[in-house]
């Protein structure tokens, strides 16, 4: 199958390209021009760029039938496709919804709306090793078991290791180094939701960065807006610059919203959270259940946290100016941190990337080329994806075509699954997967193994 995309403005930051030219797709790869195309797409007036890479999201679950629940409109992978994402990095924050290497096998067997890479989640393997208490330490024997299982997952193609230090307060730096030890040999990255945020973010960052220095591997600090977006961002970025001079590779990611989302039972809401964020219960919104859309109170919080800890929440406590500041730093990537539970969650799941392409470009925070750079070549290099993130000949034929004038997010807290506007075409592995907001193919994606 040969596709010719003609007359579009091609922006490929990896190759330094920003000009009107044709792009050819042949048999799932970017190809040299020539031959008789089976399909011609006229991209006049549109931008053509590599398919976007979401370096931090949370995968759809595996259902009781043993298949990934990825084919409905409330699938997080479907949301990825609507945004122009063609490769998603899942298994973040130490969490896997299924054995991550087995998940890759399922992706290849069934196909997904987009390509998926999996991180081996420390929290998942910690529980599998018999350490179910997140507030308690893992024994040396349990640490040895989890390290061996994580190493096997990496050998089967998982792209790195993730930690949710915030969600496992009982772990220490020695446990982190032991669990991620296999990354020393493979050079694969280690990502973390660090231990603390707001005023305590600096000690939490140093804990992770110092452990990473012991490992000598690439590091990724997750969703820094929800970690340092409370007045600490400028000093936090200076701290990462200090470490960047002596670490192999250090990246950060951020989503373009001033509210975070997590489950009601997570350690984020342990005693002291109101004081940490300087807010009251009204800053918290429950995204599902009988109290959805109602102002939260102490009584609702305590009752629902005890009865329904899995309930997704949104907490509006971050500073928009700090999020803006994060995106002005040259090394900060765009990531959605998308997670859905029974179709509920945060509009970042369906709005992150169009929101950046629209608001952050149009208000001058980013140039269009720089925005695309943070969504393509930067995450590809950080994750070691050698055939992603560029339109160079021979690369995977993952392509986004969008209208830079009309692209915009439409998802809101009241309607979080509303698709964006201006996403004209998305090709996944050379196959047309979406046209003008309509999903054409839900199984063109496959596993990305490193």
Protein backbone atom coordinates (compact mmCIF):
# COMPACT_ATOMS: atom_id res chain seq x y z
CA UNK A 1 0.00 0.00 0.00
CA UNK A 2 1.42 3.36 -1.10
CA UNK A 3 0.10 6.68 0.21
CA UNK A 4 1.18 10.09 -1.06
CA UNK A 5 0.58 13.07 1.25
CA UNK A 6 1.05 16.11 -0.95
CA UNK A 7 1.23 19.89 -0.64
CA UNK A 8 1.41 19.94 3.17
CA UNK A 9 3.78 21.99 5.31
CA UNK A 10 6.04 19.32 6.73
CA UNK A 11 7.49 20.01 10.18
CA UNK A 12 10.01 17.41 11.29
CA UNK A 13 12.18 18.81 14.11
CA UNK A 14 14.37 15.71 14.18
CA UNK A 15 15.52 16.47 10.63
CA UNK A 16 15.32 20.26 10.81
CA UNK A 17 12.59 20.30 8.14
CA UNK A 18 9.95 23.02 7.92
CA UNK A 19 8.78 23.34 4.31
CA UNK A 20 6.13 22.34 1.82
CA UNK A 21 6.95 18.89 0.49
CA UNK A 22 5.34 15.51 -0.13
CA UNK A 23 5.50 12.59 2.28
CA UNK A 24 5.24 9.02 0.99
CA UNK A 25 4.21 5.96 2.98
CA UNK A 26 4.91 2.48 1.70
CA UNK A 27 4.25 -0.80 3.53
CA UNK A 28 4.23 0.80 6.97
CA UNK A 29 7.36 2.93 6.50
CA UNK A 30 8.22 6.44 5.40
CA UNK A 31 9.43 6.02 1.83
CA UNK A 32 11.14 7.90 -0.96
CA UNK A 33 8.78 9.33 -3.56
CA UNK A 34 7.82 7.43 -6.65
CA UNK A 35 5.44 4.80 -7.91
CA UNK A 36 1.70 4.95 -8.36
CA UNK A 37 0.01 5.74 -5.04
CA UNK A 38 -3.00 3.77 -3.89
CA UNK A 39 -4.13 6.78 -1.90
CA UNK A 40 -3.48 10.52 -2.31
CA UNK A 41 -4.10 12.91 0.58
CA UNK A 42 -4.09 16.61 -0.31
CA UNK A 43 -2.69 18.41 2.74
CA UNK A 44 -2.75 21.92 1.26
CA UNK A 45 -2.88 24.47 4.07
CA UNK A 46 -2.26 21.77 6.69
CA UNK A 47 0.70 20.77 8.84
CA UNK A 48 2.21 17.31 8.40
CA UNK A 49 4.40 16.01 11.22
CA UNK A 50 5.49 12.75 12.83
CA UNK A 51 2.80 11.03 14.86
CA UNK A 52 2.85 12.32 18.42
CA UNK A 53 4.34 10.33 21.29
CA UNK A 54 2.73 10.49 24.73
CA UNK A 55 5.55 9.65 27.12
CA UNK A 56 3.27 9.38 30.16
CA UNK A 57 -0.21 7.85 30.16
CA UNK A 58 -2.06 4.95 31.79
CA UNK A 59 -3.30 2.03 29.72
CA UNK A 60 -6.76 0.55 29.29
CA UNK A 61 -7.43 -2.52 31.45
CA UNK A 62 -7.58 -6.14 30.33
CA UNK A 63 -11.13 -7.47 30.55
CA UNK A 64 -12.35 -10.77 31.98
CA UNK A 65 -12.22 -12.22 28.45
CA UNK A 66 -8.44 -11.74 28.41
CA UNK A 67 -8.45 -8.93 25.84
CA UNK A 68 -7.54 -5.26 26.24
CA UNK A 69 -10.64 -3.06 26.58
CA UNK A 70 -9.47 -0.61 23.92
CA UNK A 71 -12.11 -0.41 21.23
CA UNK A 72 -14.89 1.81 22.59
CA UNK A 73 -15.03 5.59 22.56
CA UNK A 74 -14.30 5.59 26.31
CA UNK A 75 -11.00 3.81 25.72
CA UNK A 76 -7.96 5.86 26.66
CA UNK A 77 -6.20 4.57 23.53
CA UNK A 78 -9.08 5.86 21.41
CA UNK A 79 -8.60 9.24 23.11
CA UNK A 80 -4.92 9.09 22.17
CA UNK A 81 -5.81 8.57 18.51
CA UNK A 82 -8.27 11.48 18.53
CA UNK A 83 -5.45 13.75 19.74
CA UNK A 84 -3.00 12.71 17.03
CA UNK A 85 -0.95 10.45 19.30
CA UNK A 86 0.34 7.38 17.47
CA UNK A 87 2.59 5.93 20.21
CA UNK A 88 1.70 5.85 23.90
CA UNK A 89 4.04 4.98 26.77
CA UNK A 90 1.96 3.21 29.43
CA UNK A 91 2.63 1.57 32.79
CA UNK A 92 3.62 4.83 34.46
CA UNK A 93 3.70 5.75 38.18
CA UNK A 94 4.69 2.19 39.05
CA UNK A 95 1.28 0.92 37.99
CA UNK A 96 0.46 -1.88 35.56
CA UNK A 97 -3.08 -3.09 35.01
CA UNK A 98 -1.74 -6.43 33.73
CA UNK A 99 1.69 -8.00 33.46
CA UNK A 100 3.39 -5.42 31.18
CA UNK A 101 5.19 -7.88 28.89
CA UNK A 102 2.03 -9.95 28.52
CA UNK A 103 0.22 -6.71 27.69
CA UNK A 104 2.62 -6.18 24.79
CA UNK A 105 1.79 -9.67 23.55
CA UNK A 106 -1.94 -8.88 23.70
CA UNK A 107 -1.35 -5.65 21.77
CA UNK A 108 0.33 -7.60 18.99
CA UNK A 109 -2.32 -10.32 18.97
CA UNK A 110 -5.34 -8.01 18.82
CA UNK A 111 -4.04 -4.65 17.60
CA UNK A 112 -4.77 -1.33 19.32
CA UNK A 113 -5.87 2.13 18.15
CA UNK A 114 -2.27 3.32 18.63
CA UNK A 115 1.15 1.79 19.25
CA UNK A 116 1.98 1.06 22.88
CA UNK A 117 5.21 0.77 24.84
CA UNK A 118 5.06 -0.54 28.39
CA UNK A 119 7.09 0.40 31.43
CA UNK A 120 7.51 -2.26 34.09
CA UNK A 121 5.76 -0.81 37.12
CA UNK A 122 7.59 -1.22 40.42
CA UNK A 123 4.33 -1.13 42.39
CA UNK A 124 2.87 -3.97 40.32
CA UNK A 125 5.90 -6.19 40.81
CA UNK A 126 6.17 -5.23 44.50
CA UNK A 127 2.69 -6.57 45.12
CA UNK A 128 3.45 -9.67 43.03
CA UNK A 129 6.48 -10.30 45.24
CA UNK A 130 4.20 -10.44 48.28
CA UNK A 131 4.67 -6.91 49.61
CA UNK A 132 1.11 -5.63 49.54
CA UNK A 133 1.53 -2.91 52.17
CA UNK A 134 2.62 0.28 50.36
CA UNK A 135 3.49 1.91 53.69
CA UNK A 136 5.83 -0.88 54.79
CA UNK A 137 9.31 -1.84 53.59
CA UNK A 138 10.00 -4.71 51.22
CA UNK A 139 12.23 -7.43 52.64
CA UNK A 140 15.54 -8.25 50.91
CA UNK A 141 13.97 -11.46 49.60
CA UNK A 142 10.98 -9.57 48.18
CA UNK A 143 13.28 -7.01 46.58
CA UNK A 144 15.25 -9.80 44.93
CA UNK A 145 12.06 -11.33 43.53
CA UNK A 146 10.77 -8.05 42.12
CA UNK A 147 14.17 -7.21 40.60
CA UNK A 148 14.31 -10.58 38.84
CA UNK A 149 10.76 -10.24 37.51
CA UNK A 150 11.37 -6.68 36.30
CA UNK A 151 14.55 -7.79 34.55
CA UNK A 152 12.61 -10.50 32.74
CA UNK A 153 9.97 -7.95 31.69
CA UNK A 154 12.71 -5.74 30.23
CA UNK A 155 14.15 -8.70 28.37
CA UNK A 156 10.71 -9.27 26.82
CA UNK A 157 10.64 -5.74 25.46
CA UNK A 158 9.38 -3.43 28.20
CA UNK A 159 10.84 0.01 27.58
CA UNK A 160 12.02 0.83 31.11
CA UNK A 161 10.93 0.88 34.74
CA UNK A 162 8.45 3.23 36.40
CA UNK A 163 8.00 4.14 40.05
CA UNK A 164 5.17 5.73 41.96
CA UNK A 165 7.22 6.68 44.99
CA UNK A 166 4.34 8.86 46.18
CA UNK A 167 2.04 5.85 46.16
CA UNK A 168 4.49 3.49 47.90
CA UNK A 169 5.76 5.53 50.87
CA UNK A 170 7.40 2.45 52.37
CA UNK A 171 10.07 2.21 49.69
CA UNK A 172 13.49 3.82 50.02
CA UNK A 173 16.26 4.69 47.57
CA UNK A 174 17.96 1.33 48.03
CA UNK A 175 14.78 -0.47 46.97
CA UNK A 176 14.53 1.81 43.92
CA UNK A 177 18.12 1.03 42.87
CA UNK A 178 17.61 -2.70 43.39
CA UNK A 179 14.31 -2.81 41.49
CA UNK A 180 15.68 -0.82 38.55
CA UNK A 181 19.07 -2.51 38.54
CA UNK A 182 18.48 -4.18 35.16
CA UNK A 183 18.41 -0.74 33.55
CA UNK A 184 22.13 -0.46 34.26
CA UNK A 185 22.81 -3.19 31.73
CA UNK A 186 20.17 -2.24 29.16
CA UNK A 187 20.44 1.56 29.36
CA UNK A 188 16.65 1.80 29.49
CA UNK A 189 15.11 4.79 31.30
CA UNK A 190 13.63 4.99 34.77
CA UNK A 191 10.58 7.20 35.29
CA UNK A 192 9.08 8.31 38.58
CA UNK A 193 6.19 10.05 40.19
CA UNK A 194 8.45 11.35 42.95
CA UNK A 195 7.68 11.11 46.65
CA UNK A 196 6.31 14.56 47.39
CA UNK A 197 5.19 17.84 45.88
CA UNK A 198 4.66 21.52 46.71
CA UNK A 199 7.12 22.71 49.38
CA UNK A 200 8.58 19.20 49.78
CA UNK A 201 9.27 18.71 46.07
CA UNK A 202 12.98 19.52 46.27
CA UNK A 203 13.91 16.78 48.71
CA UNK A 204 11.73 14.35 46.75
CA UNK A 205 13.45 15.26 43.49
CA UNK A 206 16.92 14.92 44.98
CA UNK A 207 16.02 11.49 46.36
CA UNK A 208 15.11 10.22 42.89
CA UNK A 209 17.92 12.00 41.05
CA UNK A 210 20.57 10.80 43.49
CA UNK A 211 19.29 7.22 43.15
CA UNK A 212 19.37 7.64 39.37
CA UNK A 213 22.95 8.86 39.56
CA UNK A 214 23.84 5.65 41.37
CA UNK A 215 22.25 3.70 38.52
CA UNK A 216 23.77 5.81 35.75
CA UNK A 217 20.69 5.53 33.51
CA UNK A 218 18.32 7.97 31.76
CA UNK A 219 15.74 9.44 34.15
CA UNK A 220 12.28 10.88 33.60
CA UNK A 221 10.47 13.00 36.21
CA UNK A 222 6.75 12.64 35.64
CA UNK A 223 4.11 15.39 35.37
CA UNK A 224 6.15 18.17 36.94
CA UNK A 225 3.21 20.58 36.87
CA UNK A 226 1.47 18.54 39.54
CA UNK A 227 4.70 18.24 41.54
CA UNK A 228 6.15 21.75 41.44
CA UNK A 229 3.18 23.77 40.20
CA UNK A 230 2.46 25.44 43.52
CA UNK A 231 5.02 28.24 43.34
CA UNK A 232 8.16 26.07 43.13
CA UNK A 233 8.58 25.66 39.36
CA UNK A 234 11.40 28.13 38.71
CA UNK A 235 13.59 26.71 41.48
CA UNK A 236 12.62 23.15 40.56
CA UNK A 237 13.72 23.62 36.94
CA UNK A 238 16.99 25.11 38.16
CA UNK A 239 17.50 21.99 40.27
CA UNK A 240 16.95 19.71 37.28
CA UNK A 241 19.45 21.78 35.28
CA UNK A 242 22.00 21.27 38.04
CA UNK A 243 21.60 17.49 37.81
CA UNK A 244 21.34 17.46 34.00
CA UNK A 245 24.99 18.44 33.81
CA UNK A 246 26.05 15.16 35.44
CA UNK A 247 23.39 12.61 34.49
CA UNK A 248 23.36 10.58 31.24
CA UNK A 249 19.93 11.89 30.22
CA UNK A 250 17.31 13.67 32.30
CA UNK A 251 13.84 14.50 31.04
CA UNK A 252 10.68 15.98 32.53
CA UNK A 253 7.12 15.95 31.27
CA UNK A 254 4.10 18.11 31.97
CA UNK A 255 0.44 18.38 31.03
CA UNK A 256 -1.15 21.76 30.19
CA UNK A 257 -3.74 22.01 32.99
CA UNK A 258 -3.81 23.55 36.46
CA UNK A 259 -5.68 20.67 38.09
CA UNK A 260 -4.35 17.19 38.81
CA UNK A 261 -6.21 13.89 38.91
CA UNK A 262 -5.73 10.74 40.97
CA UNK A 263 -7.80 8.17 42.82
CA UNK A 264 -9.45 9.18 46.07
CA UNK A 265 -7.69 6.43 48.01
CA UNK A 266 -4.17 7.33 46.89
CA UNK A 267 -1.51 8.53 49.29
CA UNK A 268 -1.88 12.01 47.79
CA UNK A 269 -4.93 12.45 50.03
CA UNK A 270 -3.36 11.15 53.22
CA UNK A 271 -3.63 13.34 56.30
CA UNK A 272 -2.10 16.78 55.73
CA UNK A 273 -3.07 17.27 52.08
CA UNK A 274 -5.24 20.32 52.79
CA UNK A 275 -2.36 22.06 54.54
CA UNK A 276 0.11 21.04 51.81
CA UNK A 277 -1.98 22.64 49.07
CA UNK A 278 -3.39 25.47 51.17
CA UNK A 279 -6.96 24.61 50.17
CA UNK A 280 -10.23 23.33 51.56
CA UNK A 281 -12.35 20.34 50.55
CA UNK A 282 -14.06 22.47 47.89
CA UNK A 283 -10.94 22.26 45.70
CA UNK A 284 -11.65 18.55 45.25
CA UNK A 285 -14.13 17.15 42.73
CA UNK A 286 -15.26 13.53 42.57
CA UNK A 287 -15.50 12.42 38.94
CA UNK A 288 -17.89 9.52 39.44
CA UNK A 289 -20.52 8.17 41.78
CA UNK A 290 -23.44 9.87 43.49
CA UNK A 291 -21.40 12.95 44.41
CA UNK A 292 -20.11 13.64 40.92
CA UNK A 293 -20.26 17.35 40.12
CA UNK A 294 -21.19 18.35 43.67
CA UNK A 295 -18.97 20.44 45.96
CA UNK A 296 -16.93 18.14 48.15
CA UNK A 297 -17.17 18.39 51.92
CA UNK A 298 -15.22 16.73 54.71
CA UNK A 299 -18.09 14.30 55.31
CA UNK A 300 -18.26 13.30 51.64
CA UNK A 301 -14.48 12.99 51.43
CA UNK A 302 -14.16 10.69 54.44
CA UNK A 303 -17.16 8.53 53.60
CA UNK A 304 -16.29 8.07 49.92
CA UNK A 305 -12.58 7.53 50.57
CA UNK A 306 -13.43 4.70 52.94
CA UNK A 307 -16.13 3.16 50.74
CA UNK A 308 -14.86 3.88 47.20
CA UNK A 309 -11.09 4.55 47.20
CA UNK A 310 -10.95 3.78 43.46
CA UNK A 311 -13.04 6.88 42.64
CA UNK A 312 -11.29 9.24 40.26
CA UNK A 313 -10.89 12.83 41.44
CA UNK A 314 -9.78 16.20 40.14
CA UNK A 315 -8.11 18.69 42.47
CA UNK A 316 -7.81 22.32 41.39
CA UNK A 317 -4.80 23.60 43.30
CA UNK A 318 -1.98 24.13 40.78
CA UNK A 319 -0.80 27.52 39.48
CA UNK A 320 -1.32 28.06 35.77
CA UNK A 321 1.71 30.36 35.68
CA UNK A 322 3.94 27.53 36.92
CA UNK A 323 2.63 25.21 34.21
CA UNK A 324 3.37 27.89 31.62
CA UNK A 325 6.87 28.26 33.05
CA UNK A 326 7.49 24.52 32.71
CA UNK A 327 6.77 24.64 28.98
CA UNK A 328 9.25 27.46 28.50
CA UNK A 329 12.06 25.12 29.53
CA UNK A 330 13.69 23.55 26.48
CA UNK A 331 13.79 20.00 27.86
CA UNK A 332 10.21 19.64 29.12
CA UNK A 333 8.08 17.25 27.06
CA UNK A 334 4.31 17.23 26.64
CA UNK A 335 2.50 14.31 28.26
CA UNK A 336 -1.15 13.70 29.07
CA UNK A 337 -0.98 11.55 32.23
CA UNK A 338 -4.27 10.26 30.79
CA UNK A 339 -6.14 7.78 32.90
CA UNK A 340 -9.80 6.81 32.74
CA UNK A 341 -11.90 4.76 35.12
CA UNK A 342 -15.26 3.69 33.74
CA UNK A 343 -14.99 6.56 31.26
CA UNK A 344 -14.37 9.16 33.97
CA UNK A 345 -11.27 11.15 34.80
CA UNK A 346 -9.66 14.37 33.55
CA UNK A 347 -10.04 16.16 30.18
CA UNK A 348 -6.29 15.85 29.65
CA UNK A 349 -7.10 12.35 28.33
CA UNK A 350 -8.68 13.85 25.22
CA UNK A 351 -7.33 17.40 25.12
CA UNK A 352 -3.65 17.61 26.08
CA UNK A 353 -1.89 17.71 22.72
CA UNK A 354 -4.40 19.85 20.77
CA UNK A 355 -4.45 22.20 23.76
CA UNK A 356 -0.69 22.73 23.48
CA UNK A 357 -0.83 23.07 19.68
CA UNK A 358 -3.56 25.66 20.06
CA UNK A 359 -3.21 27.70 23.25
CA UNK A 360 0.50 27.45 23.89
CA UNK A 361 1.41 28.16 20.28
CA UNK A 362 -1.11 30.92 19.72
CA UNK A 363 -0.19 32.74 22.95
CA UNK A 364 3.50 32.68 22.00
CA UNK A 365 4.70 30.36 24.76
CA UNK A 366 5.94 27.91 22.10
CA UNK A 367 6.55 28.02 18.39
CA UNK A 368 4.72 25.38 16.40
CA UNK A 369 7.99 23.64 15.62
CA UNK A 370 9.05 23.60 19.27
CA UNK A 371 5.68 22.24 20.36
CA UNK A 372 6.00 19.40 17.87
CA UNK A 373 9.59 18.78 19.01
CA UNK A 374 8.36 18.21 22.58
CA UNK A 375 5.80 15.67 21.31
CA UNK A 376 7.95 13.72 18.84
CA UNK A 377 11.73 13.69 18.78
CA UNK A 378 12.29 14.47 22.47
CA UNK A 379 10.21 11.55 23.81
CA UNK A 380 11.49 9.23 21.06
CA UNK A 381 15.08 9.90 22.09
CA UNK A 382 14.31 9.65 25.79
CA UNK A 383 12.65 6.26 25.35
CA UNK A 384 15.12 4.90 22.82
CA UNK A 385 12.54 4.55 20.03
CA UNK A 386 14.84 4.33 17.02
CA UNK A 387 12.09 4.25 14.36
CA UNK A 388 9.71 6.82 15.88
CA UNK A 389 9.59 10.59 16.09
CA UNK A 390 10.68 11.53 12.55
CA UNK A 391 9.54 11.45 8.92
CA UNK A 392 12.95 10.35 7.68
CA UNK A 393 12.92 7.60 5.06
CA UNK A 394 12.75 4.18 6.69
CA UNK A 395 11.04 5.37 9.88
CA UNK A 396 7.68 3.96 10.94
CA UNK A 397 4.83 5.53 8.98
CA UNK A 398 3.17 7.23 11.95
CA UNK A 399 1.92 10.59 10.68
CA UNK A 400 -0.31 13.40 11.94
CA UNK A 401 -1.95 15.95 9.64
CA UNK A 402 -3.68 18.87 11.35
CA UNK A 403 -4.93 22.37 10.67
CA UNK A 404 -2.79 24.80 12.69
CA UNK A 405 -5.51 27.45 12.46
CA UNK A 406 -8.40 25.39 13.83
CA UNK A 407 -6.74 22.78 16.04
CA UNK A 408 -8.13 23.07 19.55
CA UNK A 409 -9.11 20.95 22.52
CA UNK A 410 -12.81 20.65 23.27
CA UNK A 411 -12.70 18.31 26.26
CA UNK A 412 -13.87 19.84 29.54
CA UNK A 413 -14.37 18.66 33.09
CA UNK A 414 -18.09 18.36 32.33
CA UNK A 415 -17.53 16.54 29.00
CA UNK A 416 -14.05 15.06 29.20
CA UNK A 417 -14.36 12.69 26.21
CA UNK A 418 -15.20 15.42 23.69
CA UNK A 419 -12.77 14.99 20.76
CA UNK A 420 -10.60 17.91 19.63
CA UNK A 421 -11.00 19.89 16.43
CA UNK A 422 -8.53 20.33 13.60
CA UNK A 423 -7.06 16.81 13.60
CA UNK A 424 -7.51 15.96 9.92
CA UNK A 425 -5.70 12.64 9.44
CA UNK A 426 -3.77 10.20 11.60
CA UNK A 427 -1.80 7.33 10.09
CA UNK A 428 -0.63 4.50 12.34
CA UNK A 429 1.95 2.17 10.79
CA UNK A 430 0.98 3.51 7.39
CA UNK A 431 -2.73 2.75 7.82
CA UNK A 432 -5.31 5.57 7.88
CA UNK A 433 -6.63 5.33 11.43
CA UNK A 434 -8.55 8.61 11.76
CA UNK A 435 -10.02 11.15 9.32
CA UNK A 436 -11.60 14.43 10.43
CA UNK A 437 -12.29 13.15 13.93
CA UNK A 438 -13.74 9.83 12.83
CA UNK A 439 -11.85 6.68 13.77
CA UNK A 440 -11.41 4.49 10.70
CA UNK A 441 -9.21 1.74 12.15
CA UNK A 442 -8.95 0.64 15.78
CA UNK A 443 -6.35 -2.12 15.38
CA UNK A 444 -3.50 -0.52 13.41
CA UNK A 445 -1.32 -0.13 16.50
CA UNK A 446 1.09 -2.72 17.85
CA UNK A 447 3.64 -3.10 20.61
CA UNK A 448 6.80 -1.00 20.70
CA UNK A 449 9.60 -3.08 22.20
CA UNK A 450 13.08 -1.87 23.05
